[in-house]
Amino acid sequence: MLPKLKTKAIAKADCFCVRPDKNIDSEFLVLQLTCSRVYDLLVREIHGVTRPRINTTQLKKLTVYFPSIEKQVAIVKLIEHSLNKLNHAEECYAKVKTYTDKLEQSILAKAFRGELVPQQL
């Protein structure tokens, strides 16, 4: 299960397969493993000069906290709802930005044609 990524990713030998037990919601696990706290913890464990990476031993040492399965599901729903609202806000911003950019260009064009102020002939 992969989170939605903003960049391309390649599955290869350095990828890990993590199989949660029945008391762990897989979506909650993905959110945990992709959060900045876990990233910061794993960055400290990176080794390798030409190919920085972690190994399974380092990954197994990682401490991840899990509330009850009911709370995990509720947290995932709350995060998904928040992300949907954020995505909607980004879409609205993009539409408004496009409109204001066109409006700015239109105003400048009118200004250069002398259409914004009464002209004295």
PDB file of N, CA and C in Angstrom:
ATOM      1  N   MET A   1       0.854  -1.165   0.000  1.00  0.00           N
ATOM      2  CA  MET A   1       0.000   0.000   0.000  1.00  0.00           C
ATOM      3  C   MET A   1       0.899   1.226   0.000  1.00  0.00           C
ATOM      4  N   LEU A   2       0.762   2.049  -1.003  1.00  0.00           N
ATOM      5  CA  LEU A   2       1.593   3.239  -1.091  1.00  0.00           C
ATOM      6  C   LEU A   2       0.755   4.488  -0.898  1.00  0.00           C
ATOM      7  N   PRO A   3       1.299   5.477  -0.215  1.00  0.00           N
ATOM      8  CA  PRO A   3       0.576   6.751  -0.124  1.00  0.00           C
ATOM      9  C   PRO A   3       0.630   7.452  -1.474  1.00  0.00           C
ATOM     10  N   LYS A   4      -0.228   8.426  -1.675  1.00  0.00           N
ATOM     11  CA  LYS A   4      -0.169   9.216  -2.893  1.00  0.00           C
ATOM     12  C   LYS A   4       1.083  10.078  -2.818  1.00  0.00           C
ATOM     13  N   LEU A   5       1.930   9.937  -3.810  1.00  0.00           N
ATOM     14  CA  LEU A   5       3.188  10.668  -3.826  1.00  0.00           C
ATOM     15  C   LEU A   5       3.128  11.780  -4.853  1.00  0.00           C
ATOM     16  N   LYS A   6       3.824  12.877  -4.578  1.00  0.00           N
ATOM     17  CA  LYS A   6       3.885  13.979  -5.529  1.00  0.00           C
ATOM     18  C   LYS A   6       5.008  13.756  -6.541  1.00  0.00           C
ATOM     19  N   THR A   7       5.828  12.751  -6.310  1.00  0.00           N
ATOM     20  CA  THR A   7       6.925  12.453  -7.218  1.00  0.00           C
ATOM     21  C   THR A   7       6.815  10.997  -7.656  1.00  0.00           C
ATOM     22  N   LYS A   8       7.560  10.647  -8.667  1.00  0.00           N
ATOM     23  CA  LYS A   8       7.592   9.256  -9.111  1.00  0.00           C
ATOM     24  C   LYS A   8       8.411   8.434  -8.126  1.00  0.00           C
ATOM     25  N   ALA A   9       8.073   7.175  -8.008  1.00  0.00           N
ATOM     26  CA  ALA A   9       8.812   6.273  -7.130  1.00  0.00           C
ATOM     27  C   ALA A   9       9.077   4.972  -7.879  1.00  0.00           C
ATOM     28  N   ILE A  10      10.161   4.323  -7.538  1.00  0.00           N
ATOM     29  CA  ILE A  10      10.527   3.069  -8.169  1.00  0.00           C
ATOM     30  C   ILE A  10      10.599   1.992  -7.085  1.00  0.00           C
ATOM     31  N   ALA A  11       9.853   0.923  -7.253  1.00  0.00           N
ATOM     32  CA  ALA A  11       9.928  -0.205  -6.329  1.00  0.00           C
ATOM     33  C   ALA A  11      11.102  -1.065  -6.757  1.00  0.00           C
ATOM     34  N   LYS A  12      12.013  -1.308  -5.843  1.00  0.00           N
ATOM     35  CA  LYS A  12      13.192  -2.098  -6.180  1.00  0.00           C
ATOM     36  C   LYS A  12      13.693  -2.836  -4.961  1.00  0.00           C
ATOM     37  N   ALA A  13      14.869  -3.359  -5.033  1.00  0.00           N
ATOM     38  CA  ALA A  13      15.402  -4.221  -3.971  1.00  0.00           C
ATOM     39  C   ALA A  13      15.472  -3.517  -2.621  1.00  0.00           C
ATOM     40  N   ASP A  14      15.638  -2.211  -2.598  1.00  0.00           N
ATOM     41  CA  ASP A  14      15.755  -1.500  -1.331  1.00  0.00           C
ATOM     42  C   ASP A  14      14.410  -1.195  -0.679  1.00  0.00           C
ATOM     43  N   CYS A  15      13.316  -1.641  -1.268  1.00  0.00           N
ATOM     44  CA  CYS A  15      11.994  -1.417  -0.687  1.00  0.00           C
ATOM     45  C   CYS A  15      11.706  -2.487   0.362  1.00  0.00           C
ATOM     46  N   PHE A  16      10.878  -2.119   1.343  1.00  0.00           N
ATOM     47  CA  PHE A  16      10.511  -3.062   2.399  1.00  0.00           C
ATOM     48  C   PHE A  16       9.037  -3.423   2.282  1.00  0.00           C
ATOM     49  N   CYS A  17       8.731  -4.632   2.624  1.00  0.00           N
ATOM     50  CA  CYS A  17       7.342  -5.068   2.706  1.00  0.00           C
ATOM     51  C   CYS A  17       7.012  -5.179   4.192  1.00  0.00           C
ATOM     52  N   VAL A  18       6.031  -4.401   4.637  1.00  0.00           N
ATOM     53  CA  VAL A  18       5.629  -4.411   6.046  1.00  0.00           C
ATOM     54  C   VAL A  18       4.212  -4.950   6.103  1.00  0.00           C
ATOM     55  N   ARG A  19       4.013  -6.005   6.863  1.00  0.00           N
ATOM     56  CA  ARG A  19       2.692  -6.618   6.986  1.00  0.00           C
ATOM     57  C   ARG A  19       2.171  -6.415   8.400  1.00  0.00           C
ATOM     58  N   PRO A  20       1.226  -5.486   8.562  1.00  0.00           N
ATOM     59  CA  PRO A  20       0.692  -5.239   9.901  1.00  0.00           C
ATOM     60  C   PRO A  20      -0.234  -6.370  10.351  1.00  0.00           C
ATOM     61  N   ASP A  21      -0.319  -6.568  11.663  1.00  0.00           N
ATOM     62  CA  ASP A  21      -1.248  -7.580  12.162  1.00  0.00           C
ATOM     63  C   ASP A  21      -2.657  -6.986  12.217  1.00  0.00           C
ATOM     64  N   LYS A  22      -3.619  -7.763  12.694  1.00  0.00           N
ATOM     65  CA  LYS A  22      -5.027  -7.346  12.649  1.00  0.00           C
ATOM     66  C   LYS A  22      -5.335  -6.158  13.563  1.00  0.00           C
ATOM     67  N   ASN A  23      -4.461  -5.848  14.495  1.00  0.00           N
ATOM     68  CA  ASN A  23      -4.684  -4.725  15.410  1.00  0.00           C
ATOM     69  C   ASN A  23      -4.136  -3.409  14.878  1.00  0.00           C
ATOM     70  N   ILE A  24      -3.659  -3.421  13.638  1.00  0.00           N
ATOM     71  CA  ILE A  24      -3.088  -2.215  13.049  1.00  0.00           C
ATOM     72  C   ILE A  24      -3.776  -1.944  11.716  1.00  0.00           C
ATOM     73  N   ASP A  25      -4.368  -0.774  11.611  1.00  0.00           N
ATOM     74  CA  ASP A  25      -4.995  -0.346  10.362  1.00  0.00           C
ATOM     75  C   ASP A  25      -3.883  -0.004   9.379  1.00  0.00           C
ATOM     76  N   SER A  26      -3.921  -0.613   8.195  1.00  0.00           N
ATOM     77  CA  SER A  26      -2.828  -0.415   7.237  1.00  0.00           C
ATOM     78  C   SER A  26      -2.707   1.047   6.801  1.00  0.00           C
ATOM     79  N   GLU A  27      -3.825   1.757   6.671  1.00  0.00           N
ATOM     80  CA  GLU A  27      -3.759   3.167   6.300  1.00  0.00           C
ATOM     81  C   GLU A  27      -3.123   3.996   7.416  1.00  0.00           C
ATOM     82  N   PHE A  28      -3.418   3.643   8.657  1.00  0.00           N
ATOM     83  CA  PHE A  28      -2.801   4.333   9.791  1.00  0.00           C
ATOM     84  C   PHE A  28      -1.297   4.075   9.804  1.00  0.00           C
ATOM     85  N   LEU A  29      -0.906   2.845   9.508  1.00  0.00           N
ATOM     86  CA  LEU A  29       0.512   2.506   9.451  1.00  0.00           C
ATOM     87  C   LEU A  29       1.227   3.328   8.378  1.00  0.00           C
ATOM     88  N   VAL A  30       0.613   3.462   7.210  1.00  0.00           N
ATOM     89  CA  VAL A  30       1.214   4.269   6.147  1.00  0.00           C
ATOM     90  C   VAL A  30       1.396   5.709   6.618  1.00  0.00           C
ATOM     91  N   LEU A  31       0.365   6.256   7.259  1.00  0.00           N
ATOM     92  CA  LEU A  31       0.476   7.628   7.764  1.00  0.00           C
ATOM     93  C   LEU A  31       1.591   7.747   8.790  1.00  0.00           C
ATOM     94  N   GLN A  32       1.707   6.759   9.644  1.00  0.00           N
ATOM     95  CA  GLN A  32       2.779   6.768  10.651  1.00  0.00           C
ATOM     96  C   GLN A  32       4.150   6.728   9.983  1.00  0.00           C
ATOM     97  N   LEU A  33       4.309   5.822   9.026  1.00  0.00           N
ATOM     98  CA  LEU A  33       5.623   5.644   8.406  1.00  0.00           C
ATOM     99  C   LEU A  33       6.017   6.793   7.484  1.00  0.00           C
ATOM    100  N   THR A  34       5.051   7.594   7.053  1.00  0.00           N
ATOM    101  CA  THR A  34       5.365   8.699   6.163  1.00  0.00           C
ATOM    102  C   THR A  34       5.351  10.057   6.867  1.00  0.00           C
ATOM    103  N   CYS A  35       5.188  10.053   8.172  1.00  0.00           N
ATOM    104  CA  CYS A  35       5.161  11.335   8.885  1.00  0.00           C
ATOM    105  C   CYS A  35       6.586  11.859   9.099  1.00  0.00           C
ATOM    106  N   SER A  36       6.688  13.135   9.373  1.00  0.00           N
ATOM    107  CA  SER A  36       8.003  13.773   9.508  1.00  0.00           C
ATOM    108  C   SER A  36       8.782  13.237  10.715  1.00  0.00           C
ATOM    109  N   ARG A  37       8.095  12.841  11.789  1.00  0.00           N
ATOM    110  CA  ARG A  37       8.795  12.305  12.967  1.00  0.00           C
ATOM    111  C   ARG A  37       9.550  11.036  12.603  1.00  0.00           C
ATOM    112  N   VAL A  38       8.901  10.137  11.898  1.00  0.00           N
ATOM    113  CA  VAL A  38       9.542   8.880  11.501  1.00  0.00           C
ATOM    114  C   VAL A  38      10.649   9.161  10.489  1.00  0.00           C
ATOM    115  N   TYR A  39      10.390  10.057   9.559  1.00  0.00           N
ATOM    116  CA  TYR A  39      11.422  10.432   8.584  1.00  0.00           C
ATOM    117  C   TYR A  39      12.677  10.921   9.307  1.00  0.00           C
ATOM    118  N   ASP A  40      12.495  11.821  10.270  1.00  0.00           N
ATOM    119  CA  ASP A  40      13.641  12.349  11.017  1.00  0.00           C
ATOM    120  C   ASP A  40      14.384  11.246  11.766  1.00  0.00           C
ATOM    121  N   LEU A  41      13.645  10.297  12.331  1.00  0.00           N
ATOM    122  CA  LEU A  41      14.286   9.174  13.027  1.00  0.00           C
ATOM    123  C   LEU A  41      15.092   8.317  12.048  1.00  0.00           C
ATOM    124  N   LEU A  42      14.528   8.059  10.883  1.00  0.00           N
ATOM    125  CA  LEU A  42      15.214   7.209   9.910  1.00  0.00           C
ATOM    126  C   LEU A  42      16.418   7.908   9.278  1.00  0.00           C
ATOM    127  N   VAL A  43      16.332   9.217   9.097  1.00  0.00           N
ATOM    128  CA  VAL A  43      17.455   9.959   8.510  1.00  0.00           C
ATOM    129  C   VAL A  43      18.710   9.778   9.365  1.00  0.00           C
ATOM    130  N   ARG A  44      18.521   9.705  10.669  1.00  0.00           N
ATOM    131  CA  ARG A  44      19.675   9.515  11.577  1.00  0.00           C
ATOM    132  C   ARG A  44      20.329   8.159  11.385  1.00  0.00           C
ATOM    133  N   GLU A  45      19.587   7.213  10.829  1.00  0.00           N
ATOM    134  CA  GLU A  45      20.100   5.847  10.663  1.00  0.00           C
ATOM    135  C   GLU A  45      20.674   5.584   9.270  1.00  0.00           C
ATOM    136  N   ILE A  46      20.568   6.546   8.383  1.00  0.00           N
ATOM    137  CA  ILE A  46      21.038   6.344   7.010  1.00  0.00           C
ATOM    138  C   ILE A  46      22.526   6.024   6.995  1.00  0.00           C
ATOM    139  N   HIS A  47      22.880   5.051   6.175  1.00  0.00           N
ATOM    140  CA  HIS A  47      24.289   4.712   5.979  1.00  0.00           C
ATOM    141  C   HIS A  47      24.540   4.568   4.481  1.00  0.00           C
ATOM    142  N   GLY A  48      25.774   4.552   4.126  1.00  0.00           N
ATOM    143  CA  GLY A  48      26.131   4.433   2.711  1.00  0.00           C
ATOM    144  C   GLY A  48      26.548   5.775   2.158  1.00  0.00           C
ATOM    145  N   VAL A  49      27.624   5.788   1.416  1.00  0.00           N
ATOM    146  CA  VAL A  49      28.151   7.034   0.879  1.00  0.00           C
ATOM    147  C   VAL A  49      27.541   7.336  -0.487  1.00  0.00           C
ATOM    148  N   THR A  50      27.556   6.366  -1.379  1.00  0.00           N
ATOM    149  CA  THR A  50      27.050   6.617  -2.730  1.00  0.00           C
ATOM    150  C   THR A  50      25.552   6.329  -2.858  1.00  0.00           C
ATOM    151  N   ARG A  51      25.036   5.433  -2.011  1.00  0.00           N
ATOM    152  CA  ARG A  51      23.607   5.110  -2.025  1.00  0.00           C
ATOM    153  C   ARG A  51      23.078   5.124  -0.598  1.00  0.00           C
ATOM    154  N   PRO A  52      22.701   6.304  -0.109  1.00  0.00           N
ATOM    155  CA  PRO A  52      22.197   6.369   1.274  1.00  0.00           C
ATOM    156  C   PRO A  52      20.949   5.509   1.438  1.00  0.00           C
ATOM    157  N   ARG A  53      20.907   4.718   2.500  1.00  0.00           N
ATOM    158  CA  ARG A  53      19.752   3.846   2.736  1.00  0.00           C
ATOM    159  C   ARG A  53      19.740   3.345   4.170  1.00  0.00           C
ATOM    160  N   ILE A  54      18.643   2.689   4.516  1.00  0.00           N
ATOM    161  CA  ILE A  54      18.544   1.998   5.794  1.00  0.00           C
ATOM    162  C   ILE A  54      18.340   0.520   5.487  1.00  0.00           C
ATOM    163  N   ASN A  55      18.556  -0.315   6.488  1.00  0.00           N
ATOM    164  CA  ASN A  55      18.336  -1.741   6.279  1.00  0.00           C
ATOM    165  C   ASN A  55      17.206  -2.228   7.184  1.00  0.00           C
ATOM    166  N   THR A  56      16.860  -3.506   7.073  1.00  0.00           N
ATOM    167  CA  THR A  56      15.736  -4.032   7.848  1.00  0.00           C
ATOM    168  C   THR A  56      16.005  -4.002   9.339  1.00  0.00           C
ATOM    169  N   THR A  57      17.241  -4.177   9.738  1.00  0.00           N
ATOM    170  CA  THR A  57      17.580  -4.118  11.165  1.00  0.00           C
ATOM    171  C   THR A  57      17.262  -2.736  11.723  1.00  0.00           C
ATOM    172  N   GLN A  58      17.634  -1.700  10.977  1.00  0.00           N
ATOM    173  CA  GLN A  58      17.338  -0.338  11.417  1.00  0.00           C
ATOM    174  C   GLN A  58      15.834  -0.070  11.408  1.00  0.00           C
ATOM    175  N   LEU A  59      15.158  -0.568  10.391  1.00  0.00           N
ATOM    176  CA  LEU A  59      13.714  -0.375  10.306  1.00  0.00           C
ATOM    177  C   LEU A  59      13.003  -1.068  11.475  1.00  0.00           C
ATOM    178  N   LYS A  60      13.459  -2.252  11.844  1.00  0.00           N
ATOM    179  CA  LYS A  60      12.830  -2.993  12.943  1.00  0.00           C
ATOM    180  C   LYS A  60      13.013  -2.298  14.290  1.00  0.00           C
ATOM    181  N   LYS A  61      14.051  -1.484  14.428  1.00  0.00           N
ATOM    182  CA  LYS A  61      14.282  -0.733  15.668  1.00  0.00           C
ATOM    183  C   LYS A  61      13.354   0.466  15.811  1.00  0.00           C
ATOM    184  N   LEU A  62      12.712   0.836  14.720  1.00  0.00           N
ATOM    185  CA  LEU A  62      11.851   2.013  14.709  1.00  0.00           C
ATOM    186  C   LEU A  62      10.670   1.828  15.657  1.00  0.00           C
ATOM    187  N   THR A  63      10.449   2.813  16.515  1.00  0.00           N
ATOM    188  CA  THR A  63       9.319   2.780  17.430  1.00  0.00           C
ATOM    189  C   THR A  63       8.151   3.517  16.800  1.00  0.00           C
ATOM    190  N   VAL A  64       7.049   2.811  16.639  1.00  0.00           N
ATOM    191  CA  VAL A  64       5.837   3.398  16.081  1.00  0.00           C
ATOM    192  C   VAL A  64       4.723   3.156  17.093  1.00  0.00           C
ATOM    193  N   TYR A  65       3.965   4.202  17.381  1.00  0.00           N
ATOM    194  CA  TYR A  65       2.922   4.117  18.402  1.00  0.00           C
ATOM    195  C   TYR A  65       1.558   3.875  17.761  1.00  0.00           C
ATOM    196  N   PHE A  66       0.782   2.972  18.353  1.00  0.00           N
ATOM    197  CA  PHE A  66      -0.530   2.635  17.827  1.00  0.00           C
ATOM    198  C   PHE A  66      -1.573   2.679  18.934  1.00  0.00           C
ATOM    199  N   PRO A  67      -2.566   3.562  18.785  1.00  0.00           N
ATOM    200  CA  PRO A  67      -3.696   3.515  19.720  1.00  0.00           C
ATOM    201  C   PRO A  67      -4.592   2.332  19.355  1.00  0.00           C
ATOM    202  N   SER A  68      -5.721   2.228  19.978  1.00  0.00           N
ATOM    203  CA  SER A  68      -6.647   1.129  19.660  1.00  0.00           C
ATOM    204  C   SER A  68      -7.029   1.198  18.186  1.00  0.00           C
ATOM    205  N   ILE A  69      -7.465   0.075  17.645  1.00  0.00           N
ATOM    206  CA  ILE A  69      -7.840   0.018  16.226  1.00  0.00           C
ATOM    207  C   ILE A  69      -8.961   1.002  15.927  1.00  0.00           C
ATOM    208  N   GLU A  70      -9.888   1.185  16.873  1.00  0.00           N
ATOM    209  CA  GLU A  70     -10.981   2.136  16.665  1.00  0.00           C
ATOM    210  C   GLU A  70     -10.445   3.568  16.532  1.00  0.00           C
ATOM    211  N   LYS A  71      -9.487   3.918  17.378  1.00  0.00           N
ATOM    212  CA  LYS A  71      -8.895   5.255  17.297  1.00  0.00           C
ATOM    213  C   LYS A  71      -8.075   5.413  16.026  1.00  0.00           C
ATOM    214  N   GLN A  72      -7.399   4.349  15.611  1.00  0.00           N
ATOM    215  CA  GLN A  72      -6.633   4.413  14.358  1.00  0.00           C
ATOM    216  C   GLN A  72      -7.556   4.737  13.195  1.00  0.00           C
ATOM    217  N   VAL A  73      -8.672   4.028  13.112  1.00  0.00           N
ATOM    218  CA  VAL A  73      -9.635   4.236  12.028  1.00  0.00           C
ATOM    219  C   VAL A  73     -10.186   5.661  12.083  1.00  0.00           C
ATOM    220  N   ALA A  74     -10.501   6.139  13.290  1.00  0.00           N
ATOM    221  CA  ALA A  74     -11.029   7.497  13.435  1.00  0.00           C
ATOM    222  C   ALA A  74      -9.984   8.536  13.017  1.00  0.00           C
ATOM    223  N   ILE A  75      -8.735   8.313  13.379  1.00  0.00           N
ATOM    224  CA  ILE A  75      -7.656   9.240  13.011  1.00  0.00           C
ATOM    225  C   ILE A  75      -7.482   9.271  11.496  1.00  0.00           C
ATOM    226  N   VAL A  76      -7.505   8.104  10.870  1.00  0.00           N
ATOM    227  CA  VAL A  76      -7.370   8.040   9.402  1.00  0.00           C
ATOM    228  C   VAL A  76      -8.510   8.809   8.746  1.00  0.00           C
ATOM    229  N   LYS A  77      -9.735   8.618   9.226  1.00  0.00           N
ATOM    230  CA  LYS A  77     -10.882   9.339   8.646  1.00  0.00           C
ATOM    231  C   LYS A  77     -10.720  10.844   8.824  1.00  0.00           C
ATOM    232  N   LEU A  78     -10.263  11.273   9.989  1.00  0.00           N
ATOM    233  CA  LEU A  78     -10.071  12.697  10.252  1.00  0.00           C
ATOM    234  C   LEU A  78      -8.996  13.280   9.335  1.00  0.00           C
ATOM    235  N   ILE A  79      -7.905  12.560   9.176  1.00  0.00           N
ATOM    236  CA  ILE A  79      -6.826  13.031   8.299  1.00  0.00           C
ATOM    237  C   ILE A  79      -7.299  13.070   6.848  1.00  0.00           C
ATOM    238  N   GLU A  80      -7.993  12.030   6.400  1.00  0.00           N
ATOM    239  CA  GLU A  80      -8.504  12.014   5.027  1.00  0.00           C
ATOM    240  C   GLU A  80      -9.470  13.172   4.793  1.00  0.00           C
ATOM    241  N   HIS A  81     -10.347  13.442   5.759  1.00  0.00           N
ATOM    242  CA  HIS A  81     -11.281  14.566   5.646  1.00  0.00           C
ATOM    243  C   HIS A  81     -10.517  15.884   5.554  1.00  0.00           C
ATOM    244  N   SER A  82      -9.506  16.041   6.395  1.00  0.00           N
ATOM    245  CA  SER A  82      -8.703  17.268   6.384  1.00  0.00           C
ATOM    246  C   SER A  82      -7.948  17.423   5.063  1.00  0.00           C
ATOM    247  N   LEU A  83      -7.391  16.333   4.562  1.00  0.00           N
ATOM    248  CA  LEU A  83      -6.670  16.385   3.287  1.00  0.00           C
ATOM    249  C   LEU A  83      -7.614  16.708   2.129  1.00  0.00           C
ATOM    250  N   ASN A  84      -8.832  16.179   2.176  1.00  0.00           N
ATOM    251  CA  ASN A  84      -9.817  16.503   1.138  1.00  0.00           C
ATOM    252  C   ASN A  84     -10.157  17.989   1.160  1.00  0.00           C
ATOM    253  N   LYS A  85     -10.314  18.546   2.363  1.00  0.00           N
ATOM    254  CA  LYS A  85     -10.595  19.984   2.480  1.00  0.00           C
ATOM    255  C   LYS A  85      -9.418  20.798   1.959  1.00  0.00           C
ATOM    256  N   LEU A  86      -8.208  20.347   2.265  1.00  0.00           N
ATOM    257  CA  LEU A  86      -7.011  21.032   1.791  1.00  0.00           C
ATOM    258  C   LEU A  86      -6.919  20.966   0.266  1.00  0.00           C
ATOM    259  N   ASN A  87      -7.177  19.809  -0.306  1.00  0.00           N
ATOM    260  CA  ASN A  87      -7.164  19.661  -1.766  1.00  0.00           C
ATOM    261  C   ASN A  87      -8.200  20.575  -2.413  1.00  0.00           C
ATOM    262  N   HIS A  88      -9.376  20.660  -1.812  1.00  0.00           N
ATOM    263  CA  HIS A  88     -10.418  21.540  -2.340  1.00  0.00           C
ATOM    264  C   HIS A  88      -9.953  22.998  -2.279  1.00  0.00           C
ATOM    265  N   ALA A  89      -9.334  23.379  -1.173  1.00  0.00           N
ATOM    266  CA  ALA A  89      -8.829  24.751  -1.033  1.00  0.00           C
ATOM    267  C   ALA A  89      -7.759  25.037  -2.086  1.00  0.00           C
ATOM    268  N   GLU A  90      -6.880  24.063  -2.340  1.00  0.00           N
ATOM    269  CA  GLU A  90      -5.847  24.241  -3.369  1.00  0.00           C
ATOM    270  C   GLU A  90      -6.466  24.404  -4.753  1.00  0.00           C
ATOM    271  N   GLU A  91      -7.499  23.631  -5.045  1.00  0.00           N
ATOM    272  CA  GLU A  91      -8.192  23.745  -6.335  1.00  0.00           C
ATOM    273  C   GLU A  91      -8.838  25.120  -6.475  1.00  0.00           C
ATOM    274  N   CYS A  92      -9.479  25.589  -5.408  1.00  0.00           N
ATOM    275  CA  CYS A  92     -10.107  26.918  -5.435  1.00  0.00           C
ATOM    276  C   CYS A  92      -9.050  27.994  -5.621  1.00  0.00           C
ATOM    277  N   TYR A  93      -7.937  27.864  -4.933  1.00  0.00           N
ATOM    278  CA  TYR A  93      -6.850  28.834  -5.073  1.00  0.00           C
ATOM    279  C   TYR A  93      -6.350  28.869  -6.516  1.00  0.00           C
ATOM    280  N   ALA A  94      -6.167  27.700  -7.112  1.00  0.00           N
ATOM    281  CA  ALA A  94      -5.665  27.637  -8.494  1.00  0.00           C
ATOM    282  C   ALA A  94      -6.640  28.333  -9.450  1.00  0.00           C
ATOM    283  N   LYS A  95      -7.948  28.136  -9.252  1.00  0.00           N
ATOM    284  CA  LYS A  95      -8.939  28.787 -10.108  1.00  0.00           C
ATOM    285  C   LYS A  95      -8.894  30.305  -9.932  1.00  0.00           C
ATOM    286  N   VAL A  96      -8.835  30.748  -8.679  1.00  0.00           N
ATOM    287  CA  VAL A  96      -8.797  32.185  -8.405  1.00  0.00           C
ATOM    288  C   VAL A  96      -7.514  32.792  -8.958  1.00  0.00           C
ATOM    289  N   LYS A  97      -6.408  32.094  -8.814  1.00  0.00           N
ATOM    290  CA  LYS A  97      -5.123  32.596  -9.326  1.00  0.00           C
ATOM    291  C   LYS A  97      -5.179  32.747 -10.841  1.00  0.00           C
ATOM    292  N   THR A  98      -5.731  31.765 -11.527  1.00  0.00           N
ATOM    293  CA  THR A  98      -5.876  31.844 -12.981  1.00  0.00           C
ATOM    294  C   THR A  98      -6.738  33.046 -13.357  1.00  0.00           C
ATOM    295  N   TYR A  99      -7.834  33.219 -12.644  1.00  0.00           N
ATOM    296  CA  TYR A  99      -8.720  34.342 -12.923  1.00  0.00           C
ATOM    297  C   TYR A  99      -8.016  35.679 -12.686  1.00  0.00           C
ATOM    298  N   THR A 100      -7.324  35.817 -11.547  1.00  0.00           N
ATOM    299  CA  THR A 100      -6.657  37.091 -11.247  1.00  0.00           C
ATOM    300  C   THR A 100      -5.509  37.363 -12.207  1.00  0.00           C
ATOM    301  N   ASP A 101      -4.807  36.332 -12.634  1.00  0.00           N
ATOM    302  CA  ASP A 101      -3.743  36.523 -13.626  1.00  0.00           C
ATOM    303  C   ASP A 101      -4.321  37.068 -14.931  1.00  0.00           C
ATOM    304  N   LYS A 102      -5.450  36.486 -15.365  1.00  0.00           N
ATOM    305  CA  LYS A 102      -6.098  36.965 -16.590  1.00  0.00           C
ATOM    306  C   LYS A 102      -6.624  38.379 -16.399  1.00  0.00           C
ATOM    307  N   LEU A 103      -7.165  38.653 -15.223  1.00  0.00           N
ATOM    308  CA  LEU A 103      -7.687  39.980 -14.940  1.00  0.00           C
ATOM    309  C   LEU A 103      -6.561  41.011 -14.961  1.00  0.00           C
ATOM    310  N   GLU A 104      -5.428  40.670 -14.359  1.00  0.00           N
ATOM    311  CA  GLU A 104      -4.269  41.566 -14.355  1.00  0.00           C
ATOM    312  C   GLU A 104      -3.808  41.858 -15.782  1.00  0.00           C
ATOM    313  N   GLN A 105      -3.735  40.823 -16.600  1.00  0.00           N
ATOM    314  CA  GLN A 105      -3.328  41.017 -17.997  1.00  0.00           C
ATOM    315  C   GLN A 105      -4.331  41.899 -18.737  1.00  0.00           C
ATOM    316  N   SER A 106      -5.610  41.696 -18.476  1.00  0.00           N
ATOM    317  CA  SER A 106      -6.650  42.486 -19.123  1.00  0.00           C
ATOM    318  C   SER A 106      -6.558  43.953 -18.707  1.00  0.00           C
ATOM    319  N   ILE A 107      -6.329  44.207 -17.437  1.00  0.00           N
ATOM    320  CA  ILE A 107      -6.203  45.580 -16.944  1.00  0.00           C
ATOM    321  C   ILE A 107      -4.983  46.254 -17.563  1.00  0.00           C
ATOM    322  N   LEU A 108      -3.876  45.549 -17.601  1.00  0.00           N
ATOM    323  CA  LEU A 108      -2.668  46.123 -18.205  1.00  0.00           C
ATOM    324  C   LEU A 108      -2.883  46.429 -19.688  1.00  0.00           C
ATOM    325  N   ALA A 109      -3.550  45.533 -20.391  1.00  0.00           N
ATOM    326  CA  ALA A 109      -3.819  45.758 -21.806  1.00  0.00           C
ATOM    327  C   ALA A 109      -4.690  46.999 -21.992  1.00  0.00           C
ATOM    328  N   LYS A 110      -5.711  47.148 -21.161  1.00  0.00           N
ATOM    329  CA  LYS A 110      -6.571  48.327 -21.244  1.00  0.00           C
ATOM    330  C   LYS A 110      -5.790  49.587 -20.899  1.00  0.00           C
ATOM    331  N   ALA A 111      -4.908  49.489 -19.941  1.00  0.00           N
ATOM    332  CA  ALA A 111      -4.103  50.649 -19.553  1.00  0.00           C
ATOM    333  C   ALA A 111      -3.222  51.098 -20.709  1.00  0.00           C
ATOM    334  N   PHE A 112      -2.592  50.147 -21.381  1.00  0.00           N
ATOM    335  CA  PHE A 112      -1.730  50.504 -22.502  1.00  0.00           C
ATOM    336  C   PHE A 112      -2.527  51.064 -23.689  1.00  0.00           C
ATOM    337  N   ARG A 113      -3.777  50.681 -23.801  1.00  0.00           N
ATOM    338  CA  ARG A 113      -4.620  51.208 -24.881  1.00  0.00           C
ATOM    339  C   ARG A 113      -5.294  52.524 -24.477  1.00  0.00           C
ATOM    340  N   GLY A 114      -5.058  52.929 -23.199  1.00  0.00           N
ATOM    341  CA  GLY A 114      -5.643  54.174 -22.716  1.00  0.00           C
ATOM    342  C   GLY A 114      -7.119  54.076 -22.425  1.00  0.00           C
ATOM    343  N   GLU A 115      -7.607  52.903 -22.095  1.00  0.00           N
ATOM    344  CA  GLU A 115      -9.042  52.695 -21.874  1.00  0.00           C
ATOM    345  C   GLU A 115      -9.454  52.791 -20.412  1.00  0.00           C
ATOM    346  N   LEU A 116      -8.502  53.056 -19.506  1.00  0.00           N
ATOM    347  CA  LEU A 116      -8.861  53.064 -18.084  1.00  0.00           C
ATOM    348  C   LEU A 116      -9.232  54.445 -17.555  1.00  0.00           C
ATOM    349  N   VAL A 117      -8.774  55.477 -18.229  1.00  0.00           N
ATOM    350  CA  VAL A 117      -9.063  56.838 -17.782  1.00  0.00           C
ATOM    351  C   VAL A 117      -9.655  57.618 -18.950  1.00  0.00           C
ATOM    352  N   PRO A 118     -10.465  58.610 -18.640  1.00  0.00           N
ATOM    353  CA  PRO A 118     -10.976  59.430 -19.740  1.00  0.00           C
ATOM    354  C   PRO A 118      -9.822  60.102 -20.482  1.00  0.00           C
ATOM    355  N   GLN A 119      -9.900  60.122 -21.789  1.00  0.00           N
ATOM    356  CA  GLN A 119      -8.828  60.692 -22.603  1.00  0.00           C
ATOM    357  C   GLN A 119      -9.167  62.120 -22.975  1.00  0.00           C
ATOM    358  N   GLN A 120      -8.184  62.999 -22.846  1.00  0.00           N
ATOM    359  CA  GLN A 120      -8.327  64.394 -23.258  1.00  0.00           C
ATOM    360  C   GLN A 120      -7.798  64.506 -24.683  1.00  0.00           C
ATOM    361  N   LEU A 121      -8.613  64.848 -25.599  1.00  0.00           N
ATOM    362  CA  LEU A 121      -8.155  64.999 -26.982  1.00  0.00           C
ATOM    363  C   LEU A 121      -7.942  66.417 -27.350  1.00  0.00           C
TER     364      LEU A 121
END
